[in-house]
Amino acid sequence: MAVSERDRDFMRKLGQYKRVSHEDAAALHRALPLEERLRRSWELYLAGRESARLSAREDDPSPFYERARRRGLYRP
């Protein structure tokens, strides 16, 4: 199936909008205090750990969060 130049332009513009959107979201995230960023990250981990079957993986993030708690960087 041939792709028209109009389709290519549309996809380029869409890509540019998505790039800007992702940059804005990343900037807002980086502006948050470290504790809030860790809290959000932990919530995402908890929400997805059942479907991810982390027990079968070697990159379980639990030790990372435990170290952050001990250092006072994160409180659940």
Protein backbone atom coordinates (compact mmCIF):
# COMPACT_ATOMS: atom_id res chain seq x y z
CA MET A 1 0.00 0.00 0.00
CA ALA A 2 1.44 3.34 -1.05
CA VAL A 3 1.74 6.16 1.45
CA SER A 4 1.03 9.67 0.23
CA GLU A 5 3.13 12.69 1.07
CA ARG A 6 0.08 14.09 2.85
CA ASP A 7 0.04 11.01 5.10
CA ARG A 8 3.75 11.43 5.80
CA ASP A 9 3.26 15.10 6.71
CA PHE A 10 0.41 14.20 9.04
CA MET A 11 2.50 11.55 10.79
CA ARG A 12 5.45 13.96 11.10
CA LYS A 13 3.21 16.58 12.73
CA LEU A 14 1.70 13.97 15.01
CA GLY A 15 5.20 12.86 16.00
CA GLN A 16 6.19 16.45 16.77
CA TYR A 17 3.12 16.98 18.96
CA LYS A 18 3.81 13.74 20.83
CA ARG A 19 7.46 14.68 21.33
CA VAL A 20 6.50 18.05 22.82
CA SER A 21 3.85 16.40 24.99
CA HIS A 22 6.36 13.87 26.33
CA GLU A 23 8.93 16.59 26.96
CA ASP A 24 6.35 18.62 28.91
CA ALA A 25 5.33 15.60 30.98
CA ALA A 26 8.97 14.74 31.69
CA ALA A 27 9.71 18.32 32.77
CA LEU A 28 6.74 18.31 35.15
CA HIS A 29 7.89 14.98 36.57
CA ARG A 30 11.47 16.19 37.06
CA ALA A 31 10.17 19.30 38.84
CA LEU A 32 8.57 17.17 41.56
CA PRO A 33 10.45 16.53 44.81
CA LEU A 34 12.43 13.29 44.81
CA GLU A 35 10.18 11.77 47.48
CA GLU A 36 7.08 12.37 45.33
CA ARG A 37 8.78 10.88 42.27
CA LEU A 38 9.71 7.77 44.25
CA ARG A 39 6.20 7.50 45.70
CA ARG A 40 4.65 7.61 42.23
CA SER A 41 7.16 5.11 40.93
CA TRP A 42 6.39 2.73 43.79
CA GLU A 43 2.65 3.03 43.14
CA LEU A 44 3.20 2.14 39.48
CA TYR A 45 5.31 -0.83 40.53
CA LEU A 46 2.61 -2.04 42.94
CA ALA A 47 -0.10 -1.62 40.32
CA GLY A 48 1.77 -3.64 37.72
CA ARG A 49 3.70 -6.21 39.69
CA GLU A 50 1.08 -8.95 39.47
CA SER A 51 0.86 -8.81 35.71
CA ALA A 52 4.64 -8.40 35.33
CA ARG A 53 5.41 -11.55 37.36
CA LEU A 54 8.37 -9.87 38.99
CA SER A 55 9.11 -12.92 41.09
CA ALA A 56 10.36 -14.58 37.91
CA ARG A 57 12.55 -11.60 37.06
CA GLU A 58 15.92 -10.58 38.39
CA ASP A 59 15.25 -6.83 38.28
CA ASP A 60 12.86 -6.59 41.23
CA PRO A 61 12.99 -2.92 42.33
CA SER A 62 12.15 -3.64 45.99
CA PRO A 63 15.76 -3.31 47.25
CA PHE A 64 16.05 0.11 45.56
CA TYR A 65 12.99 1.41 47.40
CA GLU A 66 14.14 -0.12 50.67
CA ARG A 67 17.48 1.74 50.41
CA ALA A 68 15.63 4.97 49.62
CA ARG A 69 13.45 4.46 52.72
CA ARG A 70 16.48 3.84 54.95
CA ARG A 71 18.14 7.01 53.67
CA GLY A 72 15.02 9.07 54.30
CA LEU A 73 14.44 9.78 50.61
CA TYR A 74 11.11 8.01 50.42
CA ARG A 75 8.18 7.34 52.72
CA PRO A 76 5.27 5.24 51.37
